[in-house]
N, C-alpha and C. Protein backbone atom coordinates (compact mmCIF):
# COMPACT_ATOMS: atom_id res chain seq x y z
N MET A 1 32.82 86.13 93.72
CA MET A 1 33.44 84.79 93.73
C MET A 1 34.44 84.70 92.58
N ASN A 2 35.69 84.39 92.88
CA ASN A 2 36.68 84.29 91.81
C ASN A 2 36.69 82.91 91.20
N GLY A 3 37.58 82.73 90.18
CA GLY A 3 37.60 81.47 89.45
C GLY A 3 37.93 80.29 90.35
N THR A 4 38.87 80.50 91.28
CA THR A 4 39.25 79.40 92.17
C THR A 4 38.08 78.98 93.04
N ASP A 5 37.33 79.98 93.57
CA ASP A 5 36.16 79.68 94.39
C ASP A 5 35.12 78.92 93.59
N THR A 6 34.94 79.33 92.34
CA THR A 6 33.95 78.65 91.48
C THR A 6 34.35 77.20 91.24
N ASP A 7 35.62 76.98 90.92
CA ASP A 7 36.09 75.62 90.68
C ASP A 7 35.92 74.75 91.91
N THR A 8 36.25 75.29 93.08
CA THR A 8 36.12 74.54 94.33
C THR A 8 34.67 74.18 94.60
N PHE A 9 33.77 75.14 94.36
CA PHE A 9 32.35 74.89 94.58
C PHE A 9 31.83 73.81 93.64
N ILE A 10 32.23 73.89 92.36
CA ILE A 10 31.80 72.89 91.38
C ILE A 10 32.31 71.52 91.77
N GLU A 11 33.56 71.44 92.19
CA GLU A 11 34.13 70.16 92.62
C GLU A 11 33.33 69.59 93.79
N TRP A 12 33.00 70.46 94.73
CA TRP A 12 32.29 70.02 95.94
C TRP A 12 30.87 69.54 95.61
N MET A 13 30.20 70.24 94.67
CA MET A 13 28.81 69.93 94.35
C MET A 13 28.65 68.80 93.34
N SER A 14 29.71 68.43 92.64
CA SER A 14 29.60 67.40 91.61
C SER A 14 29.34 66.04 92.23
N ALA A 15 28.52 65.25 91.52
CA ALA A 15 28.19 63.92 92.01
C ALA A 15 29.43 63.03 92.00
N ALA A 16 29.54 62.17 93.00
CA ALA A 16 30.66 61.24 93.07
C ALA A 16 30.51 60.17 92.00
N VAL A 17 31.62 59.70 91.47
CA VAL A 17 31.59 58.62 90.50
C VAL A 17 31.39 57.30 91.24
N PRO A 18 30.93 56.25 90.55
CA PRO A 18 30.75 54.96 91.20
C PRO A 18 32.03 54.46 91.86
N GLY A 19 31.88 53.58 92.84
CA GLY A 19 33.00 53.15 93.68
C GLY A 19 34.24 52.72 92.94
N SER A 20 34.11 51.83 91.95
CA SER A 20 35.29 51.34 91.24
C SER A 20 35.97 52.45 90.46
N LEU A 21 35.19 53.35 89.88
CA LEU A 21 35.77 54.47 89.16
C LEU A 21 36.43 55.46 90.11
N GLY A 22 35.83 55.63 91.27
CA GLY A 22 36.43 56.50 92.27
C GLY A 22 37.79 55.99 92.70
N LYS A 23 37.91 54.69 92.84
CA LYS A 23 39.19 54.09 93.21
C LYS A 23 40.22 54.30 92.10
N LEU A 24 39.80 54.10 90.84
CA LEU A 24 40.69 54.31 89.70
C LEU A 24 41.14 55.76 89.62
N GLU A 25 40.22 56.68 89.84
CA GLU A 25 40.55 58.10 89.81
C GLU A 25 41.59 58.44 90.88
N LYS A 26 41.38 57.94 92.08
CA LYS A 26 42.30 58.22 93.19
C LYS A 26 43.69 57.64 92.90
N GLU A 27 43.74 56.42 92.39
CA GLU A 27 45.02 55.77 92.09
C GLU A 27 45.77 56.52 90.99
N ALA A 28 45.03 56.95 89.96
CA ALA A 28 45.66 57.66 88.85
C ALA A 28 46.25 58.99 89.32
N ARG A 29 45.50 59.71 90.10
CA ARG A 29 45.99 61.00 90.60
C ARG A 29 47.22 60.81 91.49
N ALA A 30 47.22 59.73 92.28
CA ALA A 30 48.36 59.46 93.15
C ALA A 30 49.63 59.18 92.34
N LYS A 31 49.45 58.62 91.13
CA LYS A 31 50.60 58.33 90.26
C LYS A 31 50.96 59.51 89.36
N GLY A 32 50.22 60.58 89.46
CA GLY A 32 50.48 61.73 88.61
C GLY A 32 49.93 61.60 87.21
N VAL A 33 49.01 60.65 87.01
CA VAL A 33 48.39 60.47 85.69
C VAL A 33 47.22 61.44 85.57
N PRO A 34 47.15 62.24 84.51
CA PRO A 34 46.05 63.20 84.37
C PRO A 34 44.69 62.50 84.30
N VAL A 35 43.74 63.02 85.06
CA VAL A 35 42.36 62.55 85.05
C VAL A 35 41.47 63.78 84.93
N ILE A 36 40.42 63.70 84.14
CA ILE A 36 39.56 64.86 83.93
C ILE A 36 38.95 65.34 85.24
N ARG A 37 38.80 66.65 85.34
CA ARG A 37 38.26 67.26 86.55
C ARG A 37 36.79 66.91 86.74
N LYS A 38 36.29 67.22 87.95
CA LYS A 38 34.89 66.95 88.27
C LYS A 38 33.96 67.68 87.31
N SER A 39 34.30 68.92 86.97
CA SER A 39 33.45 69.67 86.05
C SER A 39 33.39 69.00 84.68
N ALA A 40 34.52 68.47 84.20
CA ALA A 40 34.54 67.76 82.93
C ALA A 40 33.80 66.44 83.02
N GLN A 41 33.86 65.80 84.17
CA GLN A 41 33.10 64.56 84.38
C GLN A 41 31.60 64.83 84.26
N SER A 42 31.15 65.92 84.89
CA SER A 42 29.73 66.28 84.79
C SER A 42 29.36 66.65 83.37
N PHE A 43 30.26 67.32 82.68
CA PHE A 43 30.09 67.73 81.29
C PHE A 43 29.84 66.51 80.41
N LEU A 44 30.69 65.50 80.54
CA LEU A 44 30.54 64.27 79.75
C LEU A 44 29.28 63.52 80.13
N GLY A 45 29.00 63.45 81.43
CA GLY A 45 27.78 62.77 81.86
C GLY A 45 26.54 63.42 81.29
N PHE A 46 26.53 64.75 81.23
CA PHE A 46 25.40 65.49 80.67
C PHE A 46 25.18 65.13 79.22
N PHE A 47 26.25 65.16 78.42
CA PHE A 47 26.10 64.90 76.99
C PHE A 47 25.80 63.43 76.70
N CYS A 48 26.35 62.53 77.48
CA CYS A 48 26.01 61.11 77.28
C CYS A 48 24.54 60.86 77.58
N THR A 49 24.03 61.50 78.64
CA THR A 49 22.62 61.34 79.00
C THR A 49 21.71 62.00 77.98
N LEU A 50 22.12 63.17 77.48
CA LEU A 50 21.30 63.91 76.51
C LEU A 50 21.29 63.23 75.14
N LEU A 51 22.46 62.87 74.65
CA LEU A 51 22.59 62.36 73.28
C LEU A 51 22.28 60.88 73.16
N LYS A 52 22.53 60.13 74.24
CA LYS A 52 22.46 58.66 74.19
C LYS A 52 23.23 58.13 72.97
N PRO A 53 24.51 58.46 72.87
CA PRO A 53 25.28 58.10 71.67
C PRO A 53 25.45 56.61 71.51
N ASP A 54 25.43 56.16 70.27
CA ASP A 54 25.75 54.76 69.97
C ASP A 54 27.25 54.56 69.86
N ARG A 55 27.95 55.57 69.33
CA ARG A 55 29.41 55.47 69.13
C ARG A 55 30.09 56.73 69.63
N ILE A 56 31.15 56.52 70.38
CA ILE A 56 31.94 57.63 70.92
C ILE A 56 33.39 57.45 70.50
N LEU A 57 34.02 58.55 70.11
CA LEU A 57 35.44 58.56 69.81
C LEU A 57 36.13 59.39 70.88
N GLU A 58 37.15 58.82 71.49
CA GLU A 58 37.91 59.54 72.51
C GLU A 58 39.35 59.68 72.06
N ILE A 59 39.85 60.90 72.04
CA ILE A 59 41.23 61.17 71.64
C ILE A 59 42.01 61.57 72.88
N GLY A 60 42.85 60.65 73.35
CA GLY A 60 43.58 60.85 74.60
C GLY A 60 42.91 60.09 75.73
N SER A 61 43.09 58.77 75.77
CA SER A 61 42.35 57.93 76.70
C SER A 61 43.01 57.77 78.06
N GLY A 62 44.30 58.10 78.16
CA GLY A 62 44.98 57.92 79.44
C GLY A 62 44.89 56.48 79.91
N VAL A 63 44.47 56.30 81.16
CA VAL A 63 44.34 54.95 81.72
C VAL A 63 42.92 54.43 81.64
N GLY A 64 42.07 55.08 80.83
CA GLY A 64 40.73 54.56 80.59
C GLY A 64 39.65 55.11 81.48
N PHE A 65 39.98 56.07 82.34
CA PHE A 65 38.98 56.57 83.29
C PHE A 65 37.79 57.20 82.59
N SER A 66 38.04 58.14 81.68
CA SER A 66 36.92 58.86 81.06
C SER A 66 36.10 57.95 80.15
N ALA A 67 36.74 56.98 79.49
CA ALA A 67 35.98 56.03 78.67
C ALA A 67 35.05 55.20 79.54
N LEU A 68 35.55 54.74 80.67
CA LEU A 68 34.71 53.97 81.60
C LEU A 68 33.60 54.85 82.18
N LEU A 69 33.92 56.11 82.44
CA LEU A 69 32.90 57.03 82.95
C LEU A 69 31.78 57.18 81.95
N MET A 70 32.11 57.41 80.67
CA MET A 70 31.07 57.57 79.65
C MET A 70 30.26 56.29 79.49
N ARG A 71 30.94 55.15 79.51
CA ARG A 71 30.22 53.87 79.39
C ARG A 71 29.30 53.65 80.57
N ASN A 72 29.62 54.21 81.71
CA ASN A 72 28.76 54.10 82.88
C ASN A 72 27.43 54.84 82.68
N TYR A 73 27.47 55.90 81.85
CA TYR A 73 26.27 56.70 81.62
C TYR A 73 25.40 56.16 80.50
N VAL A 74 26.00 55.46 79.53
CA VAL A 74 25.23 55.04 78.37
C VAL A 74 25.81 53.75 77.80
N CYS A 75 24.93 52.88 77.34
CA CYS A 75 25.36 51.64 76.68
C CYS A 75 25.75 51.98 75.25
N CYS A 76 27.03 51.89 74.94
CA CYS A 76 27.50 52.35 73.64
C CYS A 76 28.82 51.66 73.32
N ARG A 77 29.35 51.95 72.11
CA ARG A 77 30.68 51.49 71.70
C ARG A 77 31.61 52.69 71.74
N ILE A 78 32.78 52.50 72.31
CA ILE A 78 33.75 53.58 72.45
C ILE A 78 35.07 53.15 71.83
N LEU A 79 35.62 54.02 70.99
CA LEU A 79 36.96 53.82 70.46
C LEU A 79 37.86 54.88 71.07
N GLY A 80 38.87 54.44 71.83
CA GLY A 80 39.79 55.37 72.45
C GLY A 80 41.15 55.29 71.79
N ILE A 81 41.84 56.42 71.71
CA ILE A 81 43.18 56.50 71.12
C ILE A 81 44.14 57.03 72.18
N GLU A 82 45.22 56.31 72.40
CA GLU A 82 46.22 56.72 73.39
C GLU A 82 47.61 56.43 72.85
N LEU A 83 48.46 57.45 72.81
CA LEU A 83 49.81 57.31 72.25
C LEU A 83 50.77 56.60 73.20
N ASP A 84 50.65 56.88 74.49
CA ASP A 84 51.56 56.31 75.48
C ASP A 84 51.26 54.82 75.68
N SER A 85 52.22 53.97 75.38
CA SER A 85 51.98 52.52 75.41
C SER A 85 51.68 52.01 76.83
N ASP A 86 52.35 52.57 77.83
CA ASP A 86 52.10 52.14 79.21
C ASP A 86 50.69 52.49 79.64
N ARG A 87 50.27 53.70 79.32
CA ARG A 87 48.92 54.12 79.69
C ARG A 87 47.87 53.33 78.91
N ALA A 88 48.14 53.07 77.63
CA ALA A 88 47.19 52.28 76.84
C ALA A 88 47.03 50.88 77.42
N ALA A 89 48.14 50.27 77.83
CA ALA A 89 48.08 48.94 78.43
C ALA A 89 47.31 48.98 79.75
N GLU A 90 47.53 50.04 80.53
CA GLU A 90 46.81 50.20 81.80
C GLU A 90 45.32 50.40 81.54
N ALA A 91 44.99 51.17 80.50
CA ALA A 91 43.59 51.38 80.15
C ALA A 91 42.91 50.06 79.78
N GLU A 92 43.59 49.26 78.95
CA GLU A 92 43.02 47.97 78.56
C GLU A 92 42.79 47.07 79.78
N LYS A 93 43.72 47.10 80.73
CA LYS A 93 43.57 46.30 81.95
C LYS A 93 42.37 46.79 82.76
N ASN A 94 42.27 48.10 82.92
CA ASN A 94 41.16 48.65 83.71
C ASN A 94 39.81 48.37 83.06
N ILE A 95 39.77 48.45 81.74
CA ILE A 95 38.52 48.19 81.00
C ILE A 95 38.16 46.71 81.11
N ARG A 96 39.15 45.86 80.99
CA ARG A 96 38.91 44.41 81.11
C ARG A 96 38.39 44.07 82.51
N GLU A 97 39.01 44.63 83.54
CA GLU A 97 38.58 44.34 84.91
C GLU A 97 37.18 44.88 85.19
N ALA A 98 36.80 45.95 84.49
CA ALA A 98 35.46 46.50 84.66
C ALA A 98 34.40 45.73 83.87
N GLY A 99 34.86 44.82 83.00
CA GLY A 99 33.93 44.00 82.23
C GLY A 99 33.41 44.64 80.96
N PHE A 100 34.15 45.63 80.41
CA PHE A 100 33.65 46.35 79.24
C PHE A 100 34.55 46.20 78.02
N SER A 101 35.31 45.13 77.96
CA SER A 101 36.22 44.92 76.82
C SER A 101 35.46 44.81 75.50
N ASP A 102 34.23 44.33 75.53
CA ASP A 102 33.45 44.21 74.30
C ASP A 102 32.92 45.56 73.81
N ASP A 103 32.89 46.54 74.71
CA ASP A 103 32.30 47.83 74.36
C ASP A 103 33.35 48.92 74.12
N ILE A 104 34.52 48.77 74.72
CA ILE A 104 35.54 49.82 74.64
C ILE A 104 36.82 49.26 74.03
N GLU A 105 37.26 49.87 72.95
CA GLU A 105 38.51 49.49 72.30
C GLU A 105 39.52 50.60 72.46
N ILE A 106 40.75 50.27 72.83
CA ILE A 106 41.83 51.23 72.94
C ILE A 106 42.86 50.94 71.86
N ARG A 107 43.18 51.94 71.06
CA ARG A 107 44.24 51.81 70.06
C ARG A 107 45.45 52.62 70.52
N CYS A 108 46.57 51.96 70.63
CA CYS A 108 47.82 52.63 71.00
C CYS A 108 48.49 53.11 69.71
N ALA A 109 48.35 54.38 69.41
CA ALA A 109 48.84 54.92 68.14
C ALA A 109 48.81 56.44 68.20
N ASP A 110 49.42 57.06 67.20
CA ASP A 110 49.34 58.51 67.04
C ASP A 110 47.91 58.84 66.58
N ALA A 111 47.27 59.77 67.26
CA ALA A 111 45.87 60.08 66.95
C ALA A 111 45.69 60.55 65.51
N ALA A 112 46.64 61.32 65.00
CA ALA A 112 46.51 61.83 63.63
C ALA A 112 46.43 60.68 62.63
N ASP A 113 47.21 59.63 62.85
CA ASP A 113 47.20 58.48 61.94
C ASP A 113 45.87 57.75 62.01
N VAL A 114 45.35 57.56 63.21
CA VAL A 114 44.07 56.85 63.37
C VAL A 114 42.94 57.67 62.79
N LEU A 115 42.93 58.97 63.05
CA LEU A 115 41.87 59.84 62.53
C LEU A 115 41.87 59.85 61.02
N ARG A 116 43.05 59.90 60.43
CA ARG A 116 43.16 59.89 58.97
C ARG A 116 42.59 58.59 58.41
N GLU A 117 42.91 57.48 59.07
CA GLU A 117 42.39 56.19 58.62
C GLU A 117 40.87 56.12 58.75
N LEU A 118 40.35 56.57 59.89
CA LEU A 118 38.91 56.52 60.11
C LEU A 118 38.15 57.42 59.15
N ALA A 119 38.77 58.55 58.80
CA ALA A 119 38.10 59.51 57.91
C ALA A 119 38.07 59.03 56.47
N GLY A 120 38.83 57.98 56.14
CA GLY A 120 38.77 57.40 54.81
C GLY A 120 39.37 58.26 53.74
N GLY A 121 40.44 58.99 54.09
CA GLY A 121 41.10 59.81 53.09
C GLY A 121 40.45 61.16 52.94
N GLU A 122 40.38 61.65 51.70
CA GLU A 122 39.95 63.02 51.47
C GLU A 122 38.44 63.16 51.35
N GLY A 123 37.75 62.12 50.95
CA GLY A 123 36.32 62.25 50.70
C GLY A 123 35.49 61.90 51.91
N GLN A 124 34.28 62.44 52.01
CA GLN A 124 33.37 62.11 53.11
C GLN A 124 32.93 60.66 53.01
N ASP A 125 32.77 60.14 51.78
CA ASP A 125 32.36 58.75 51.62
C ASP A 125 33.39 57.83 52.23
N GLY A 126 32.94 56.86 52.95
CA GLY A 126 33.84 55.89 53.55
C GLY A 126 34.26 56.25 54.95
N ALA A 127 34.03 57.50 55.37
CA ALA A 127 34.40 57.91 56.71
C ALA A 127 33.47 57.25 57.73
N GLU A 128 34.04 56.85 58.85
CA GLU A 128 33.21 56.38 59.95
C GLU A 128 32.55 57.58 60.60
N HIS A 129 31.50 57.33 61.37
CA HIS A 129 30.79 58.44 61.99
C HIS A 129 30.55 58.15 63.46
N PHE A 130 30.69 59.22 64.28
CA PHE A 130 30.52 59.11 65.72
C PHE A 130 29.51 60.15 66.19
N ASP A 131 28.79 59.78 67.23
CA ASP A 131 27.78 60.68 67.79
C ASP A 131 28.39 61.68 68.76
N LEU A 132 29.49 61.28 69.41
CA LEU A 132 30.16 62.14 70.37
C LEU A 132 31.67 61.92 70.23
N VAL A 133 32.40 63.01 70.13
CA VAL A 133 33.86 62.97 70.10
C VAL A 133 34.37 63.72 71.32
N PHE A 134 35.17 63.04 72.14
CA PHE A 134 35.77 63.69 73.30
C PHE A 134 37.25 63.90 73.01
N LEU A 135 37.64 65.16 72.94
CA LEU A 135 39.00 65.54 72.56
C LEU A 135 39.78 65.95 73.80
N ASP A 136 40.75 65.14 74.18
CA ASP A 136 41.54 65.41 75.38
C ASP A 136 42.98 64.95 75.16
N GLY A 137 43.47 65.14 73.94
CA GLY A 137 44.82 64.72 73.58
C GLY A 137 45.80 65.87 73.70
N PRO A 138 46.92 65.80 72.96
CA PRO A 138 47.92 66.87 72.99
C PRO A 138 47.32 68.20 72.54
N LYS A 139 47.44 69.21 73.39
CA LYS A 139 46.73 70.47 73.14
C LYS A 139 47.21 71.17 71.87
N GLY A 140 48.49 71.04 71.56
CA GLY A 140 49.00 71.69 70.37
C GLY A 140 48.55 71.06 69.07
N GLN A 141 47.85 69.91 69.15
CA GLN A 141 47.42 69.20 67.94
C GLN A 141 45.93 69.34 67.67
N TYR A 142 45.20 70.05 68.51
CA TYR A 142 43.75 70.14 68.34
C TYR A 142 43.37 70.64 66.94
N LEU A 143 44.05 71.68 66.48
CA LEU A 143 43.72 72.26 65.18
C LEU A 143 44.05 71.28 64.05
N GLN A 144 45.15 70.54 64.19
CA GLN A 144 45.53 69.54 63.18
C GLN A 144 44.47 68.44 63.09
N TYR A 145 43.88 68.07 64.22
CA TYR A 145 42.88 67.00 64.22
C TYR A 145 41.53 67.44 63.65
N LEU A 146 41.26 68.74 63.68
CA LEU A 146 39.91 69.23 63.41
C LEU A 146 39.33 68.81 62.05
N PRO A 147 40.09 68.89 60.93
CA PRO A 147 39.48 68.48 59.66
C PRO A 147 38.99 67.03 59.67
N TYR A 148 39.70 66.15 60.36
CA TYR A 148 39.27 64.76 60.46
C TYR A 148 38.06 64.62 61.37
N ILE A 149 38.08 65.35 62.47
CA ILE A 149 36.95 65.30 63.40
C ILE A 149 35.68 65.78 62.72
N GLU A 150 35.81 66.80 61.87
CA GLU A 150 34.63 67.30 61.14
C GLU A 150 34.02 66.21 60.26
N LYS A 151 34.87 65.40 59.65
CA LYS A 151 34.37 64.30 58.81
C LYS A 151 33.75 63.19 59.66
N LEU A 152 34.31 62.97 60.83
CA LEU A 152 33.93 61.82 61.64
C LEU A 152 32.72 62.08 62.53
N THR A 153 32.40 63.34 62.77
CA THR A 153 31.26 63.66 63.62
C THR A 153 30.01 63.76 62.76
N ARG A 154 29.02 62.96 63.08
CA ARG A 154 27.80 62.99 62.28
C ARG A 154 27.11 64.34 62.43
N GLU A 155 26.26 64.70 61.48
CA GLU A 155 25.48 65.92 61.60
C GLU A 155 24.61 65.83 62.85
N GLY A 156 24.66 66.84 63.67
CA GLY A 156 23.94 66.83 64.94
C GLY A 156 24.73 66.20 66.07
N GLY A 157 25.90 65.64 65.75
CA GLY A 157 26.77 65.07 66.77
C GLY A 157 27.53 66.16 67.51
N VAL A 158 28.17 65.78 68.60
CA VAL A 158 28.82 66.76 69.48
C VAL A 158 30.31 66.49 69.59
N LEU A 159 31.08 67.55 69.52
CA LEU A 159 32.50 67.53 69.88
C LEU A 159 32.64 68.18 71.24
N ALA A 160 33.22 67.47 72.18
CA ALA A 160 33.51 68.00 73.51
C ALA A 160 35.03 68.04 73.66
N ALA A 161 35.58 69.22 73.88
CA ALA A 161 37.04 69.39 73.99
C ALA A 161 37.39 69.93 75.36
N ASP A 162 38.40 69.32 75.98
CA ASP A 162 38.79 69.70 77.34
C ASP A 162 40.09 70.50 77.31
N ASN A 163 40.35 71.20 78.41
CA ASN A 163 41.60 71.94 78.61
C ASN A 163 41.79 73.06 77.60
N LEU A 164 40.73 73.79 77.29
CA LEU A 164 40.83 74.84 76.29
C LEU A 164 41.62 76.06 76.76
N LEU A 165 41.52 76.38 78.05
CA LEU A 165 42.09 77.63 78.54
C LEU A 165 43.36 77.43 79.34
N LYS A 166 43.74 76.19 79.62
CA LYS A 166 44.97 75.91 80.38
C LYS A 166 45.06 76.76 81.64
N GLU A 167 43.98 76.65 82.45
CA GLU A 167 43.90 77.38 83.72
C GLU A 167 44.07 78.88 83.52
N GLY A 168 43.48 79.39 82.45
CA GLY A 168 43.47 80.82 82.19
C GLY A 168 44.65 81.32 81.38
N GLU A 169 45.62 80.48 81.10
CA GLU A 169 46.83 80.93 80.39
C GLU A 169 46.52 81.40 78.98
N ILE A 170 45.54 80.75 78.32
CA ILE A 170 45.21 81.10 76.94
C ILE A 170 44.56 82.49 76.88
N LEU A 171 44.01 82.97 78.00
CA LEU A 171 43.38 84.29 78.01
C LEU A 171 44.40 85.41 77.99
N ARG A 172 45.62 85.12 78.38
CA ARG A 172 46.64 86.16 78.47
C ARG A 172 47.24 86.47 77.10
N SER A 173 47.94 87.59 77.04
CA SER A 173 48.75 87.90 75.86
C SER A 173 49.82 86.82 75.71
N ARG A 174 50.18 86.52 74.47
CA ARG A 174 51.23 85.51 74.24
C ARG A 174 52.56 85.91 74.88
N TYR A 175 52.75 87.20 75.07
CA TYR A 175 54.00 87.67 75.67
C TYR A 175 54.00 87.52 77.19
N ALA A 176 52.83 87.20 77.75
CA ALA A 176 52.73 87.02 79.20
C ALA A 176 52.94 85.57 79.61
N VAL A 177 53.06 84.67 78.63
CA VAL A 177 53.31 83.26 78.94
C VAL A 177 54.77 82.95 78.63
N THR A 178 55.26 81.88 79.24
CA THR A 178 56.66 81.52 79.01
C THR A 178 56.89 81.17 77.55
N ARG A 179 58.10 81.41 77.08
CA ARG A 179 58.42 81.21 75.67
C ARG A 179 58.10 79.79 75.21
N ARG A 180 58.37 78.79 76.07
CA ARG A 180 58.15 77.40 75.66
C ARG A 180 56.67 77.06 75.50
N ASN A 181 55.78 77.90 76.06
CA ASN A 181 54.34 77.64 75.95
C ASN A 181 53.67 78.48 74.87
N ARG A 182 54.44 79.31 74.17
CA ARG A 182 53.81 80.22 73.22
C ARG A 182 53.25 79.51 71.99
N THR A 183 53.87 78.40 71.57
CA THR A 183 53.34 77.68 70.41
C THR A 183 51.97 77.08 70.73
N ILE A 184 51.85 76.45 71.90
CA ILE A 184 50.56 75.89 72.31
C ILE A 184 49.54 77.01 72.47
N HIS A 185 49.97 78.13 73.06
CA HIS A 185 49.08 79.29 73.24
C HIS A 185 48.51 79.72 71.88
N ARG A 186 49.38 79.86 70.87
CA ARG A 186 48.93 80.28 69.54
C ARG A 186 48.00 79.26 68.91
N LYS A 187 48.37 77.96 69.01
CA LYS A 187 47.58 76.93 68.35
C LYS A 187 46.21 76.76 69.02
N MET A 188 46.16 76.90 70.34
CA MET A 188 44.86 76.78 71.01
C MET A 188 43.95 77.95 70.65
N ARG A 189 44.53 79.14 70.55
CA ARG A 189 43.73 80.29 70.14
C ARG A 189 43.22 80.12 68.70
N GLU A 190 44.06 79.57 67.84
CA GLU A 190 43.64 79.33 66.46
C GLU A 190 42.52 78.29 66.42
N PHE A 191 42.63 77.25 67.24
CA PHE A 191 41.59 76.23 67.30
C PHE A 191 40.26 76.83 67.77
N ILE A 192 40.30 77.62 68.83
CA ILE A 192 39.08 78.24 69.35
C ILE A 192 38.47 79.17 68.31
N THR A 193 39.32 79.95 67.63
CA THR A 193 38.83 80.86 66.60
C THR A 193 38.16 80.08 65.46
N GLU A 194 38.78 79.01 65.02
CA GLU A 194 38.21 78.20 63.95
C GLU A 194 36.86 77.60 64.37
N MET A 195 36.79 77.10 65.60
CA MET A 195 35.56 76.48 66.08
C MET A 195 34.41 77.48 66.18
N THR A 196 34.72 78.69 66.61
CA THR A 196 33.65 79.67 66.85
C THR A 196 33.26 80.46 65.61
N ARG A 197 34.11 80.43 64.56
CA ARG A 197 33.83 81.29 63.39
C ARG A 197 33.73 80.54 62.08
N SER A 198 33.91 79.23 62.09
CA SER A 198 33.94 78.50 60.82
C SER A 198 32.58 78.36 60.17
N GLY A 199 31.50 78.37 60.96
CA GLY A 199 30.16 78.15 60.42
C GLY A 199 29.78 76.70 60.34
N ARG A 200 30.72 75.79 60.61
CA ARG A 200 30.40 74.35 60.55
C ARG A 200 30.00 73.78 61.90
N TRP A 201 30.19 74.59 62.95
CA TRP A 201 29.88 74.14 64.30
C TRP A 201 29.06 75.21 65.03
N GLN A 202 28.13 74.77 65.85
CA GLN A 202 27.49 75.66 66.82
C GLN A 202 28.22 75.46 68.14
N THR A 203 28.98 76.45 68.56
CA THR A 203 29.97 76.26 69.61
C THR A 203 29.64 77.05 70.87
N MET A 204 29.92 76.42 72.01
CA MET A 204 29.77 77.07 73.31
C MET A 204 31.05 76.84 74.10
N LEU A 205 31.60 77.92 74.67
CA LEU A 205 32.78 77.83 75.52
C LEU A 205 32.33 77.88 76.98
N ILE A 206 32.94 77.04 77.78
CA ILE A 206 32.63 76.98 79.21
C ILE A 206 33.91 77.32 79.96
N GLY A 207 33.88 78.40 80.73
CA GLY A 207 35.10 78.94 81.30
C GLY A 207 35.40 78.52 82.71
N ASP A 208 35.40 77.22 82.99
CA ASP A 208 35.88 76.81 84.30
C ASP A 208 37.41 76.96 84.29
N GLY A 209 38.08 76.49 85.33
CA GLY A 209 39.52 76.72 85.45
C GLY A 209 40.32 76.30 84.25
N ASP A 210 40.02 75.14 83.68
CA ASP A 210 40.79 74.64 82.55
C ASP A 210 40.11 74.93 81.22
N GLY A 211 38.83 75.23 81.26
CA GLY A 211 38.10 75.56 80.05
C GLY A 211 37.65 74.34 79.27
N MET A 212 36.42 74.37 78.81
CA MET A 212 35.86 73.29 77.99
C MET A 212 35.10 73.91 76.82
N LEU A 213 34.91 73.11 75.80
CA LEU A 213 34.17 73.54 74.62
C LEU A 213 33.20 72.45 74.23
N ALA A 214 31.98 72.85 73.89
CA ALA A 214 30.99 71.94 73.33
C ALA A 214 30.54 72.49 72.00
N ALA A 215 30.50 71.64 70.97
CA ALA A 215 30.12 72.10 69.64
C ALA A 215 29.27 71.06 68.94
N VAL A 216 28.18 71.50 68.36
CA VAL A 216 27.29 70.62 67.60
C VAL A 216 27.64 70.76 66.12
N ARG A 217 27.80 69.62 65.45
CA ARG A 217 28.14 69.62 64.03
C ARG A 217 26.92 70.00 63.21
N LYS A 218 27.02 71.12 62.49
CA LYS A 218 25.94 71.58 61.64
C LYS A 218 25.90 70.77 60.34
N PRO A 219 24.74 70.71 59.69
CA PRO A 219 24.70 70.07 58.36
C PRO A 219 25.59 70.82 57.40
N ASP A 220 26.23 70.08 56.49
CA ASP A 220 27.03 70.74 55.46
C ASP A 220 26.11 71.55 54.56
N ALA A 221 26.60 72.70 54.13
CA ALA A 221 25.79 73.57 53.28
C ALA A 221 25.49 72.87 51.96
N ALA A 222 24.28 73.02 51.49
CA ALA A 222 23.91 72.46 50.19
C ALA A 222 24.69 73.17 49.09
N PRO A 223 25.12 72.44 48.07
CA PRO A 223 25.88 73.10 46.99
C PRO A 223 25.04 74.13 46.27
N ASP A 224 25.67 75.21 45.86
CA ASP A 224 24.99 76.27 45.12
C ASP A 224 24.84 75.86 43.67
N THR A 225 23.59 75.64 43.24
CA THR A 225 23.33 75.19 41.87
C THR A 225 23.15 76.36 40.90
N GLY A 226 23.16 77.57 41.48
CA GLY A 226 22.98 78.72 40.61
C GLY A 226 21.53 79.00 40.27
N THR A 227 20.60 78.21 40.79
CA THR A 227 19.18 78.40 40.49
C THR A 227 18.65 79.62 41.22
N ASP A 228 17.95 80.48 40.51
CA ASP A 228 17.36 81.65 41.12
C ASP A 228 16.09 81.22 41.85
N ARG A 229 16.06 81.38 43.19
CA ARG A 229 14.90 80.96 43.96
C ARG A 229 13.94 82.11 44.23
N THR A 230 14.19 83.26 43.65
CA THR A 230 13.34 84.42 43.90
C THR A 230 11.94 84.15 43.35
N VAL A 231 10.95 84.45 44.20
CA VAL A 231 9.55 84.24 43.78
C VAL A 231 8.97 85.59 43.38
């Protein structure tokens, strides 16, 4: 079974979203607005059910589909960030019509600016904390966002990142992709390398067509006091 067959099977076997969300998904796709795949929908549903997060941070909210999907799985507070003003306005409308305006906030802004503000500057003190971070923003910025996400994700919290492999393109040599995509190719590989080798995350890669990543935030290492613990 090749990758395409696997993706088709996963799409076919995935549970349908509730009626109103299904309508929103269909309308968004008809307008060419990106909506997370069925595999990513199941991915988020799994972690929302497992973690039962109180607070979720979403980077790249689009028209609000994935935020509403997560809220459907768990009663929580969600902060979404969306740079495109039209999509942010559409997300707010969809959230309002679904009756979740008290639970889901959408900020129309550059994600780096919001993350910097939430992280409270350079120190860990003052940073807000989230149980689940869903990263689905500009792919070339994932590595830039990571230092802030590390501060904002509580110990034991989960980072879920979508579109890691760009339908297999990231697996190829950089010379096999078009010149205009080589910067994203390099930055995504650097992000994946940092996530899997930094020691601050326990990371799992999921290789569906677009690729996903799940990572649990490890406790920060205790400072070395120089005390000899040898018994």
